Amino acid sequence: MASNGRKKLREIIEAGTFVVAPGVFDMISARIADRMGFNALYMTGYGVTASYLGLPDAGLATFTDMLNRARTIAEGTETPLIADADTGYGGLLNVRHTVRGYEAAGVQGIQIEDQEMPKKCGHTPGRRVVPKEEMVQKIQVAVDARRSRDTLIIARTDARTALGIDEAIERAAAYVEAGADIAFVESPESVEEIRKVGKAIAAPKLANMVPGGRTPVVAASELKAMGFNIAIYPGLGFSVAAEAMRRAYTYLKDTGSSIGMEVPTYGGNGAQTMHELMGFPEVWEFEKRWGLGG
């Protein structure tokens, strides 16, 4: 469970450590990733919307939906959490409410983007962005709203797809000037564009690595050499989990049993490892102490 000894994402970045953040979307994914020594976790809006609501990441998850999931993940893990906050869920007052809510929930990196509402997933077509000046004011409000400088504001721009890489870089730089701690240019479309972003923006930078998306997947070592500080992998967990479940359910449907199934289970020993992951040993110790065991 989480404790007051949680590391600070700001200090990790300022120390020059490159942050690789796996995407988490529920408490199983969060607990597994939390045990592995990553420097941060990334709560993915796509994954939360899909796993919690069974809907596409198209602005359908509400502030309350996302806040509740962020709080649960932050309270149940030790690793610094970066969380997708979409557009801030409305106007300037909404942005202030979002930042304060996420911060109180334990989120250390709050990602806000410049899309029009309702927003869309960053690697899908048809995204539209608000005027640059409107997003600049949102970032100013977000920075003013936080109660601790250890809460980092991540400014994402989705301008690349519709307006080009130069406009996206210009926007990202303006958002940094407005006070954002980390710049996030979504979906550059070549390694050269990634490199251009890395050179152009004089602030910590985040890269989004989505296999099969609009951006080439680049190794963390190369991203660091290009001037980036964080790489997020939002879809990695839920995409492999979905395929593993598809295979397991197919086997069950075809054979009427799990006997002989070649899809591995977590830990390789059936239910026992899952019991340990979810905290049953603590429950059993409590029951033993207070004479509640069967």
C-alpha atoms as a PDB file:
ATOM      1  CA  MET A   1       0.000   0.000   0.000  1.00  0.00           C
ATOM      2  CA  ALA A   2       1.034   3.608  -0.452  1.00  0.00           C
ATOM      3  CA  SER A   3       3.026   5.393   2.220  1.00  0.00           C
ATOM      4  CA  ASN A   4       4.430   8.800   3.027  1.00  0.00           C
ATOM      5  CA  GLY A   5       7.797   7.543   1.744  1.00  0.00           C
ATOM      6  CA  ARG A   6       6.707   7.754  -1.886  1.00  0.00           C
ATOM      7  CA  LYS A   7       9.409   9.172  -4.151  1.00  0.00           C
ATOM      8  CA  LYS A   8       8.836  12.548  -5.795  1.00  0.00           C
ATOM      9  CA  LEU A   9       8.600  12.609  -9.562  1.00  0.00           C
ATOM     10  CA  ARG A  10      10.031  16.128  -9.663  1.00  0.00           C
ATOM     11  CA  GLU A  11      13.191  15.015  -7.862  1.00  0.00           C
ATOM     12  CA  ILE A  12      13.577  11.977 -10.110  1.00  0.00           C
ATOM     13  CA  ILE A  13      13.443  14.142 -13.229  1.00  0.00           C
ATOM     14  CA  GLU A  14      15.700  16.843 -11.779  1.00  0.00           C
ATOM     15  CA  ALA A  15      18.272  14.143 -10.949  1.00  0.00           C
ATOM     16  CA  GLY A  16      18.494  13.346 -14.664  1.00  0.00           C
ATOM     17  CA  THR A  17      16.905   9.905 -14.420  1.00  0.00           C
ATOM     18  CA  PHE A  18      15.010   8.923 -17.550  1.00  0.00           C
ATOM     19  CA  VAL A  19      11.501   7.824 -16.574  1.00  0.00           C
ATOM     20  CA  VAL A  20       9.874   4.838 -18.282  1.00  0.00           C
ATOM     21  CA  ALA A  21       6.221   4.747 -17.219  1.00  0.00           C
ATOM     22  CA  PRO A  22       4.006   1.756 -18.058  1.00  0.00           C
ATOM     23  CA  GLY A  23       0.321   2.346 -18.608  1.00  0.00           C
ATOM     24  CA  VAL A  24      -1.944   1.185 -15.767  1.00  0.00           C
ATOM     25  CA  PHE A  25      -5.724   1.164 -15.847  1.00  0.00           C
ATOM     26  CA  ASP A  26      -6.967  -0.880 -12.889  1.00  0.00           C
ATOM     27  CA  MET A  27      -5.600  -2.214  -9.626  1.00  0.00           C
ATOM     28  CA  ILE A  28      -4.297  -5.488 -11.039  1.00  0.00           C
ATOM     29  CA  SER A  29      -2.168  -3.676 -13.621  1.00  0.00           C
ATOM     30  CA  ALA A  30      -1.171  -1.014 -11.074  1.00  0.00           C
ATOM     31  CA  ARG A  31      -0.080  -3.509  -8.412  1.00  0.00           C
ATOM     32  CA  ILE A  32       1.932  -5.580 -10.872  1.00  0.00           C
ATOM     33  CA  ALA A  33       3.717  -2.509 -12.277  1.00  0.00           C
ATOM     34  CA  ASP A  34       4.215  -1.023  -8.802  1.00  0.00           C
ATOM     35  CA  ARG A  35       6.345  -3.999  -7.759  1.00  0.00           C
ATOM     36  CA  MET A  36       8.727  -3.762 -10.687  1.00  0.00           C
ATOM     37  CA  GLY A  37      10.839  -0.747  -9.832  1.00  0.00           C
ATOM     38  CA  PHE A  38       9.585   1.745 -12.409  1.00  0.00           C
ATOM     39  CA  ASN A  39      10.156   5.403 -11.594  1.00  0.00           C
ATOM     40  CA  ALA A  40       6.549   6.305 -12.439  1.00  0.00           C
ATOM     41  CA  LEU A  41       3.233   4.803 -13.504  1.00  0.00           C
ATOM     42  CA  TYR A  42       0.944   6.331 -16.108  1.00  0.00           C
ATOM     43  CA  MET A  43      -2.816   6.146 -15.636  1.00  0.00           C
ATOM     44  CA  THR A  44      -4.086   5.941 -19.188  1.00  0.00           C
ATOM     45  CA  GLY A  45      -7.364   7.593 -20.147  1.00  0.00           C
ATOM     46  CA  TYR A  46      -7.837   5.086 -22.961  1.00  0.00           C
ATOM     47  CA  GLY A  47      -7.328   2.160 -20.598  1.00  0.00           C
ATOM     48  CA  VAL A  48      -9.534   3.537 -17.828  1.00  0.00           C
ATOM     49  CA  THR A  49     -12.353   4.385 -20.234  1.00  0.00           C
ATOM     50  CA  ALA A  50     -12.108   0.944 -21.837  1.00  0.00           C
ATOM     51  CA  SER A  51     -11.778  -1.131 -18.662  1.00  0.00           C
ATOM     52  CA  TYR A  52     -14.132   0.843 -16.435  1.00  0.00           C
ATOM     53  CA  LEU A  53     -16.813   1.876 -18.919  1.00  0.00           C
ATOM     54  CA  GLY A  54     -16.257  -0.357 -21.950  1.00  0.00           C
ATOM     55  CA  LEU A  55     -16.255   2.737 -24.158  1.00  0.00           C
ATOM     56  CA  PRO A  56     -13.825   4.422 -26.565  1.00  0.00           C
ATOM     57  CA  ASP A  57     -11.546   7.198 -25.373  1.00  0.00           C
ATOM     58  CA  ALA A  58     -13.661   9.927 -26.971  1.00  0.00           C
ATOM     59  CA  GLY A  59     -14.433  12.267 -24.089  1.00  0.00           C
ATOM     60  CA  LEU A  60     -16.998   9.940 -22.521  1.00  0.00           C
ATOM     61  CA  ALA A  61     -15.268   9.385 -19.178  1.00  0.00           C
ATOM     62  CA  THR A  62     -16.107  12.116 -16.685  1.00  0.00           C
ATOM     63  CA  PHE A  63     -13.913  13.924 -14.187  1.00  0.00           C
ATOM     64  CA  THR A  64     -15.466  11.819 -11.440  1.00  0.00           C
ATOM     65  CA  ASP A  65     -14.778   8.572 -13.320  1.00  0.00           C
ATOM     66  CA  MET A  66     -11.121   9.457 -13.773  1.00  0.00           C
ATOM     67  CA  LEU A  67     -10.601  10.961 -10.332  1.00  0.00           C
ATOM     68  CA  ASN A  68     -11.970   7.895  -8.576  1.00  0.00           C
ATOM     69  CA  ARG A  69      -9.698   5.599 -10.549  1.00  0.00           C
ATOM     70  CA  ALA A  70      -6.683   7.882  -9.963  1.00  0.00           C
ATOM     71  CA  ARG A  71      -7.312   7.957  -6.227  1.00  0.00           C
ATOM     72  CA  THR A  72      -7.639   4.183  -6.034  1.00  0.00           C
ATOM     73  CA  ILE A  73      -4.411   3.635  -7.958  1.00  0.00           C
ATOM     74  CA  ALA A  74      -2.455   6.260  -6.021  1.00  0.00           C
ATOM     75  CA  GLU A  75      -3.629   4.931  -2.658  1.00  0.00           C
ATOM     76  CA  GLY A  76      -2.790   1.348  -3.593  1.00  0.00           C
ATOM     77  CA  THR A  77       0.729   1.891  -4.947  1.00  0.00           C
ATOM     78  CA  GLU A  78       4.103   3.330  -3.914  1.00  0.00           C
ATOM     79  CA  THR A  79       5.307   4.561  -7.313  1.00  0.00           C
ATOM     80  CA  PRO A  80       4.776   8.192  -8.425  1.00  0.00           C
ATOM     81  CA  LEU A  81       1.650   8.428 -10.571  1.00  0.00           C
ATOM     82  CA  ILE A  82       1.152  10.462 -13.736  1.00  0.00           C
ATOM     83  CA  ALA A  83      -2.509  10.691 -14.732  1.00  0.00           C
ATOM     84  CA  ASP A  84      -4.370  11.718 -17.850  1.00  0.00           C
ATOM     85  CA  ALA A  85      -6.756  14.594 -17.087  1.00  0.00           C
ATOM     86  CA  ASP A  86      -7.968  15.077 -20.669  1.00  0.00           C
ATOM     87  CA  THR A  87      -8.848  18.753 -21.299  1.00  0.00           C
ATOM     88  CA  GLY A  88      -9.326  19.567 -17.630  1.00  0.00           C
ATOM     89  CA  TYR A  89     -13.003  18.633 -18.107  1.00  0.00           C
ATOM     90  CA  GLY A  90     -14.241  22.074 -19.077  1.00  0.00           C
ATOM     91  CA  GLY A  91     -13.334  25.730 -18.646  1.00  0.00           C
ATOM     92  CA  LEU A  92     -10.938  27.457 -16.296  1.00  0.00           C
ATOM     93  CA  LEU A  93     -12.922  26.727 -13.150  1.00  0.00           C
ATOM     94  CA  ASN A  94     -13.064  23.058 -14.146  1.00  0.00           C
ATOM     95  CA  VAL A  95      -9.298  23.024 -14.660  1.00  0.00           C
ATOM     96  CA  ARG A  96      -8.731  24.386 -11.154  1.00  0.00           C
ATOM     97  CA  HIS A  97     -11.113  21.785  -9.717  1.00  0.00           C
ATOM     98  CA  THR A  98      -9.407  19.010 -11.700  1.00  0.00           C
ATOM     99  CA  VAL A  99      -5.895  19.923 -10.558  1.00  0.00           C
ATOM    100  CA  ARG A 100      -6.918  20.189  -6.921  1.00  0.00           C
ATOM    101  CA  GLY A 101      -8.837  16.925  -7.086  1.00  0.00           C
ATOM    102  CA  TYR A 102      -6.034  14.974  -8.763  1.00  0.00           C
ATOM    103  CA  GLU A 103      -3.439  16.465  -6.424  1.00  0.00           C
ATOM    104  CA  ALA A 104      -5.459  15.556  -3.335  1.00  0.00           C
ATOM    105  CA  ALA A 105      -5.855  12.044  -4.738  1.00  0.00           C
ATOM    106  CA  GLY A 106      -2.062  11.620  -4.806  1.00  0.00           C
ATOM    107  CA  VAL A 107      -1.298  12.232  -8.485  1.00  0.00           C
ATOM    108  CA  GLN A 108       2.150  13.769  -9.022  1.00  0.00           C
ATOM    109  CA  GLY A 109       1.945  14.488 -12.751  1.00  0.00           C
ATOM    110  CA  ILE A 110      -1.301  15.932 -14.158  1.00  0.00           C
ATOM    111  CA  GLN A 111      -1.602  15.837 -17.958  1.00  0.00           C
ATOM    112  CA  ILE A 112      -3.880  18.420 -19.590  1.00  0.00           C
ATOM    113  CA  GLU A 113      -4.326  18.732 -23.355  1.00  0.00           C
ATOM    114  CA  ASP A 114      -5.379  21.435 -25.804  1.00  0.00           C
ATOM    115  CA  GLN A 115      -8.092  19.541 -27.652  1.00  0.00           C
ATOM    116  CA  GLU A 116     -11.624  20.790 -28.059  1.00  0.00           C
ATOM    117  CA  MET A 117     -14.260  18.988 -26.019  1.00  0.00           C
ATOM    118  CA  PRO A 118     -15.185  16.224 -26.423  1.00  0.00           C
ATOM    119  CA  LYS A 119     -11.596  15.100 -26.825  1.00  0.00           C
ATOM    120  CA  LYS A 120     -10.380  12.043 -28.722  1.00  0.00           C
ATOM    121  CA  CYS A 121      -7.571   9.564 -28.281  1.00  0.00           C
ATOM    122  CA  GLY A 122      -4.293  11.098 -29.438  1.00  0.00           C
ATOM    123  CA  HIS A 123      -3.586   8.521 -32.129  1.00  0.00           C
ATOM    124  CA  THR A 124      -6.993   8.681 -33.787  1.00  0.00           C
ATOM    125  CA  PRO A 125      -8.138  11.042 -36.559  1.00  0.00           C
ATOM    126  CA  GLY A 126     -10.398  14.080 -36.328  1.00  0.00           C
ATOM    127  CA  ARG A 127      -8.818  15.808 -33.330  1.00  0.00           C
ATOM    128  CA  ARG A 128      -9.361  19.564 -33.112  1.00  0.00           C
ATOM    129  CA  VAL A 129      -7.483  21.950 -30.847  1.00  0.00           C
ATOM    130  CA  VAL A 130      -8.573  25.097 -29.058  1.00  0.00           C
ATOM    131  CA  PRO A 131      -6.844  28.443 -29.752  1.00  0.00           C
ATOM    132  CA  LYS A 132      -3.351  28.557 -28.277  1.00  0.00           C
ATOM    133  CA  GLU A 133      -4.257  31.486 -26.025  1.00  0.00           C
ATOM    134  CA  GLU A 134      -7.087  29.507 -24.448  1.00  0.00           C
ATOM    135  CA  MET A 135      -4.764  26.652 -23.525  1.00  0.00           C
ATOM    136  CA  VAL A 136      -2.127  29.058 -22.220  1.00  0.00           C
ATOM    137  CA  GLN A 137      -4.694  30.379 -19.759  1.00  0.00           C
ATOM    138  CA  LYS A 138      -5.659  26.835 -18.749  1.00  0.00           C
ATOM    139  CA  ILE A 139      -2.020  26.095 -17.945  1.00  0.00           C
ATOM    140  CA  GLN A 140      -1.716  29.296 -15.935  1.00  0.00           C
ATOM    141  CA  VAL A 141      -4.794  28.330 -13.931  1.00  0.00           C
ATOM    142  CA  ALA A 142      -3.495  24.767 -13.447  1.00  0.00           C
ATOM    143  CA  VAL A 143      -0.162  26.026 -12.113  1.00  0.00           C
ATOM    144  CA  ASP A 144      -1.884  28.514  -9.825  1.00  0.00           C
ATOM    145  CA  ALA A 145      -4.300  25.856  -8.545  1.00  0.00           C
ATOM    146  CA  ARG A 146      -1.753  23.321  -7.330  1.00  0.00           C
ATOM    147  CA  ARG A 147      -0.859  23.451  -3.664  1.00  0.00           C
ATOM    148  CA  SER A 148       2.614  21.921  -4.001  1.00  0.00           C
ATOM    149  CA  ARG A 149       5.354  22.535  -6.540  1.00  0.00           C
ATOM    150  CA  ASP A 150       5.930  18.773  -6.451  1.00  0.00           C
ATOM    151  CA  THR A 151       2.705  18.429  -8.416  1.00  0.00           C
ATOM    152  CA  LEU A 152       3.857  18.653 -12.017  1.00  0.00           C
ATOM    153  CA  ILE A 153       1.685  20.098 -14.772  1.00  0.00           C
ATOM    154  CA  ILE A 154       2.131  18.291 -18.086  1.00  0.00           C
ATOM    155  CA  ALA A 155       0.933  20.311 -21.083  1.00  0.00           C
ATOM    156  CA  ARG A 156      -0.013  18.198 -24.073  1.00  0.00           C
ATOM    157  CA  THR A 157      -0.681  19.570 -27.526  1.00  0.00           C
ATOM    158  CA  ASP A 158      -2.527  17.615 -30.200  1.00  0.00           C
ATOM    159  CA  ALA A 159      -1.834  20.204 -32.897  1.00  0.00           C
ATOM    160  CA  ARG A 160       0.589  18.070 -34.926  1.00  0.00           C
ATOM    161  CA  THR A 161      -1.988  16.045 -36.840  1.00  0.00           C
ATOM    162  CA  ALA A 162      -4.106  18.949 -38.103  1.00  0.00           C
ATOM    163  CA  LEU A 163      -1.710  21.912 -37.968  1.00  0.00           C
ATOM    164  CA  GLY A 164       1.777  20.459 -38.401  1.00  0.00           C
ATOM    165  CA  ILE A 165       4.837  19.866 -36.271  1.00  0.00           C
ATOM    166  CA  ASP A 166       5.996  23.491 -36.225  1.00  0.00           C
ATOM    167  CA  GLU A 167       2.667  24.670 -34.787  1.00  0.00           C
ATOM    168  CA  ALA A 168       2.787  21.871 -32.239  1.00  0.00           C
ATOM    169  CA  ILE A 169       6.276  22.881 -31.104  1.00  0.00           C
ATOM    170  CA  GLU A 170       5.272  26.541 -30.929  1.00  0.00           C
ATOM    171  CA  ARG A 171       2.297  25.651 -28.752  1.00  0.00           C
ATOM    172  CA  ALA A 172       4.328  23.409 -26.471  1.00  0.00           C
ATOM    173  CA  ALA A 173       6.874  26.183 -25.961  1.00  0.00           C
ATOM    174  CA  ALA A 174       4.085  28.657 -25.144  1.00  0.00           C
ATOM    175  CA  TYR A 175       2.628  26.275 -22.587  1.00  0.00           C
ATOM    176  CA  VAL A 176       6.028  25.896 -20.922  1.00  0.00           C
ATOM    177  CA  GLU A 177       6.360  29.682 -20.820  1.00  0.00           C
ATOM    178  CA  ALA A 178       2.931  29.769 -19.160  1.00  0.00           C
ATOM    179  CA  GLY A 179       4.284  27.584 -16.367  1.00  0.00           C
ATOM    180  CA  ALA A 180       3.934  23.951 -17.463  1.00  0.00           C
ATOM    181  CA  ASP A 181       6.633  21.728 -15.987  1.00  0.00           C
ATOM    182  CA  ILE A 182       6.692  19.166 -18.800  1.00  0.00           C
ATOM    183  CA  ALA A 183       5.951  19.511 -22.525  1.00  0.00           C
ATOM    184  CA  PHE A 184       4.125  16.740 -24.382  1.00  0.00           C
ATOM    185  CA  VAL A 185       3.840  16.981 -28.176  1.00  0.00           C
ATOM    186  CA  GLU A 186       1.418  14.218 -29.097  1.00  0.00           C
ATOM    187  CA  SER A 187       1.845  12.028 -32.183  1.00  0.00           C
ATOM    188  CA  PRO A 188       4.902  13.313 -34.074  1.00  0.00           C
ATOM    189  CA  GLU A 189       4.993  11.212 -37.222  1.00  0.00           C
ATOM    190  CA  SER A 190       8.672  10.398 -37.762  1.00  0.00           C
ATOM    191  CA  VAL A 191      11.907   9.932 -35.851  1.00  0.00           C
ATOM    192  CA  GLU A 192      13.072  13.233 -37.316  1.00  0.00           C
ATOM    193  CA  GLU A 193      10.017  14.987 -35.879  1.00  0.00           C
ATOM    194  CA  ILE A 194      10.676  13.425 -32.473  1.00  0.00           C
ATOM    195  CA  ARG A 195      14.255  14.678 -32.677  1.00  0.00           C
ATOM    196  CA  LYS A 196      13.042  18.137 -33.691  1.00  0.00           C
ATOM    197  CA  VAL A 197      10.772  18.318 -30.634  1.00  0.00           C
ATOM    198  CA  GLY A 198      13.648  17.244 -28.419  1.00  0.00           C
ATOM    199  CA  LYS A 199      15.889  20.017 -29.690  1.00  0.00           C
ATOM    200  CA  ALA A 200      13.320  22.804 -29.862  1.00  0.00           C
ATOM    201  CA  ILE A 201      11.810  22.830 -26.380  1.00  0.00           C
ATOM    202  CA  ALA A 202      13.963  23.891 -23.434  1.00  0.00           C
ATOM    203  CA  ALA A 203      12.043  22.031 -20.735  1.00  0.00           C
ATOM    204  CA  PRO A 204      11.485  18.440 -19.629  1.00  0.00           C
ATOM    205  CA  LYS A 205       9.684  16.519 -22.371  1.00  0.00           C
ATOM    206  CA  LEU A 206       7.434  13.474 -22.517  1.00  0.00           C
ATOM    207  CA  ALA A 207       7.144  11.028 -25.427  1.00  0.00           C
ATOM    208  CA  ASN A 208       4.164   8.745 -25.996  1.00  0.00           C
ATOM    209  CA  MET A 209       5.119   5.304 -27.298  1.00  0.00           C
ATOM    210  CA  VAL A 210       2.138   3.552 -28.882  1.00  0.00           C
ATOM    211  CA  PRO A 211       2.904   0.464 -31.009  1.00  0.00           C
ATOM    212  CA  GLY A 212       0.903   0.785 -34.213  1.00  0.00           C
ATOM    213  CA  GLY A 213       0.166   4.456 -33.550  1.00  0.00           C
ATOM    214  CA  ARG A 214       1.153   7.544 -35.508  1.00  0.00           C
ATOM    215  CA  THR A 215       4.537   7.881 -33.793  1.00  0.00           C
ATOM    216  CA  PRO A 216       7.479   5.501 -34.361  1.00  0.00           C
ATOM    217  CA  VAL A 217       8.425   3.599 -31.208  1.00  0.00           C
ATOM    218  CA  VAL A 218      11.926   4.622 -30.141  1.00  0.00           C
ATOM    219  CA  ALA A 219      14.046   3.027 -27.416  1.00  0.00           C
ATOM    220  CA  ALA A 220      14.313   4.882 -24.116  1.00  0.00           C
ATOM    221  CA  SER A 221      18.061   5.341 -24.560  1.00  0.00           C
ATOM    222  CA  GLU A 222      17.495   7.066 -27.904  1.00  0.00           C
ATOM    223  CA  LEU A 223      14.738   9.277 -26.504  1.00  0.00           C
ATOM    224  CA  LYS A 224      17.025  10.369 -23.690  1.00  0.00           C
ATOM    225  CA  ALA A 225      19.768  11.195 -26.189  1.00  0.00           C
ATOM    226  CA  MET A 226      17.220  13.300 -28.116  1.00  0.00           C
ATOM    227  CA  GLY A 227      16.498  15.367 -25.006  1.00  0.00           C
ATOM    228  CA  PHE A 228      13.415  13.630 -23.601  1.00  0.00           C
ATOM    229  CA  ASN A 229      12.880  12.862 -19.929  1.00  0.00           C
ATOM    230  CA  ILE A 230       9.824  10.573 -19.834  1.00  0.00           C
ATOM    231  CA  ALA A 231       8.422   7.855 -22.071  1.00  0.00           C
ATOM    232  CA  ILE A 232       4.928   6.549 -21.432  1.00  0.00           C
ATOM    233  CA  TYR A 233       3.566   3.236 -22.715  1.00  0.00           C
ATOM    234  CA  PRO A 234      -0.181   3.665 -22.129  1.00  0.00           C
ATOM    235  CA  GLY A 235      -1.483   0.750 -24.165  1.00  0.00           C
ATOM    236  CA  LEU A 236       1.101  -1.914 -23.382  1.00  0.00           C
ATOM    237  CA  GLY A 237      -0.638  -3.462 -20.391  1.00  0.00           C
ATOM    238  CA  PHE A 238      -4.213  -3.608 -21.580  1.00  0.00           C
ATOM    239  CA  SER A 239      -3.319  -4.719 -25.114  1.00  0.00           C
ATOM    240  CA  VAL A 240      -1.348  -7.783 -23.987  1.00  0.00           C
ATOM    241  CA  ALA A 241      -3.882  -8.551 -21.243  1.00  0.00           C
ATOM    242  CA  ALA A 242      -6.720  -8.427 -23.764  1.00  0.00           C
ATOM    243  CA  GLU A 243      -4.927 -10.821 -26.095  1.00  0.00           C
ATOM    244  CA  ALA A 244      -4.107 -13.234 -23.270  1.00  0.00           C
ATOM    245  CA  MET A 245      -7.761 -13.251 -22.199  1.00  0.00           C
ATOM    246  CA  ARG A 246      -8.915 -13.738 -25.776  1.00  0.00           C
ATOM    247  CA  ARG A 247      -6.696 -16.805 -26.099  1.00  0.00           C
ATOM    248  CA  ALA A 248      -7.710 -18.237 -22.729  1.00  0.00           C
ATOM    249  CA  TYR A 249     -11.432 -17.731 -23.346  1.00  0.00           C
ATOM    250  CA  THR A 250     -11.115 -19.186 -26.837  1.00  0.00           C
ATOM    251  CA  TYR A 251      -9.479 -22.294 -25.398  1.00  0.00           C
ATOM    252  CA  LEU A 252     -12.233 -22.632 -22.795  1.00  0.00           C
ATOM    253  CA  LYS A 253     -14.935 -22.181 -25.430  1.00  0.00           C
ATOM    254  CA  ASP A 254     -13.370 -24.718 -27.774  1.00  0.00           C
ATOM    255  CA  THR A 255     -12.493 -27.393 -25.208  1.00  0.00           C
ATOM    256  CA  GLY A 256     -14.863 -26.815 -22.298  1.00  0.00           C
ATOM    257  CA  SER A 257     -11.927 -26.805 -19.884  1.00  0.00           C
ATOM    258  CA  SER A 258      -8.738 -24.966 -18.906  1.00  0.00           C
ATOM    259  CA  ILE A 259      -6.795 -28.252 -18.735  1.00  0.00           C
ATOM    260  CA  GLY A 260      -3.833 -28.132 -21.099  1.00  0.00           C
ATOM    261  CA  MET A 261      -4.182 -24.442 -21.847  1.00  0.00           C
ATOM    262  CA  GLU A 262      -0.863 -22.949 -22.953  1.00  0.00           C
ATOM    263  CA  VAL A 263      -1.685 -19.358 -21.995  1.00  0.00           C
ATOM    264  CA  PRO A 264       0.365 -18.699 -18.829  1.00  0.00           C
ATOM    265  CA  THR A 265      -1.351 -17.616 -15.625  1.00  0.00           C
ATOM    266  CA  TYR A 266       0.053 -14.869 -13.400  1.00  0.00           C
ATOM    267  CA  GLY A 267       3.051 -16.229 -11.502  1.00  0.00           C
ATOM    268  CA  GLY A 268       2.617 -19.642 -13.108  1.00  0.00           C
ATOM    269  CA  ASN A 269       1.066 -21.281 -10.058  1.00  0.00           C
ATOM    270  CA  GLY A 270      -2.612 -20.539 -10.343  1.00  0.00           C
ATOM    271  CA  ALA A 271      -4.511 -18.671  -7.685  1.00  0.00           C
ATOM    272  CA  GLN A 272      -1.778 -18.496  -5.051  1.00  0.00           C
ATOM    273  CA  THR A 273       0.247 -15.718  -6.689  1.00  0.00           C
ATOM    274  CA  MET A 274      -2.894 -13.681  -7.336  1.00  0.00           C
ATOM    275  CA  HIS A 275      -3.855 -14.086  -3.682  1.00  0.00           C
ATOM    276  CA  GLU A 276      -0.480 -12.682  -2.674  1.00  0.00           C
ATOM    277  CA  LEU A 277      -0.691  -9.806  -5.185  1.00  0.00           C
ATOM    278  CA  MET A 278      -4.093  -8.717  -3.884  1.00  0.00           C
ATOM    279  CA  GLY A 279      -3.099  -8.852  -0.213  1.00  0.00           C
ATOM    280  CA  PHE A 280      -4.740 -12.019   1.078  1.00  0.00           C
ATOM    281  CA  PRO A 281      -1.765 -12.949   3.329  1.00  0.00           C
ATOM    282  CA  GLU A 282      -2.426  -9.794   5.371  1.00  0.00           C
ATOM    283  CA  VAL A 283      -6.096 -10.747   5.663  1.00  0.00           C
ATOM    284  CA  TRP A 284      -5.185 -14.250   6.801  1.00  0.00           C
ATOM    285  CA  GLU A 285      -2.731 -12.893   9.379  1.00  0.00           C
ATOM    286  CA  PHE A 286      -5.423 -10.551  10.702  1.00  0.00           C
ATOM    287  CA  GLU A 287      -7.915 -13.406  10.953  1.00  0.00           C
ATOM    288  CA  LYS A 288      -5.369 -15.586  12.744  1.00  0.00           C
ATOM    289  CA  ARG A 289      -4.531 -12.832  15.228  1.00  0.00           C
ATOM    290  CA  TRP A 290      -8.151 -12.185  16.100  1.00  0.00           C
ATOM    291  CA  GLY A 291      -9.369 -15.776  16.001  1.00  0.00           C
ATOM    292  CA  LEU A 292     -11.475 -15.338  12.891  1.00  0.00           C
ATOM    293  CA  GLY A 293     -10.030 -18.212  10.889  1.00  0.00           C
ATOM    294  CA  GLY A 294     -12.128 -21.186   9.983  1.00  0.00           C
END
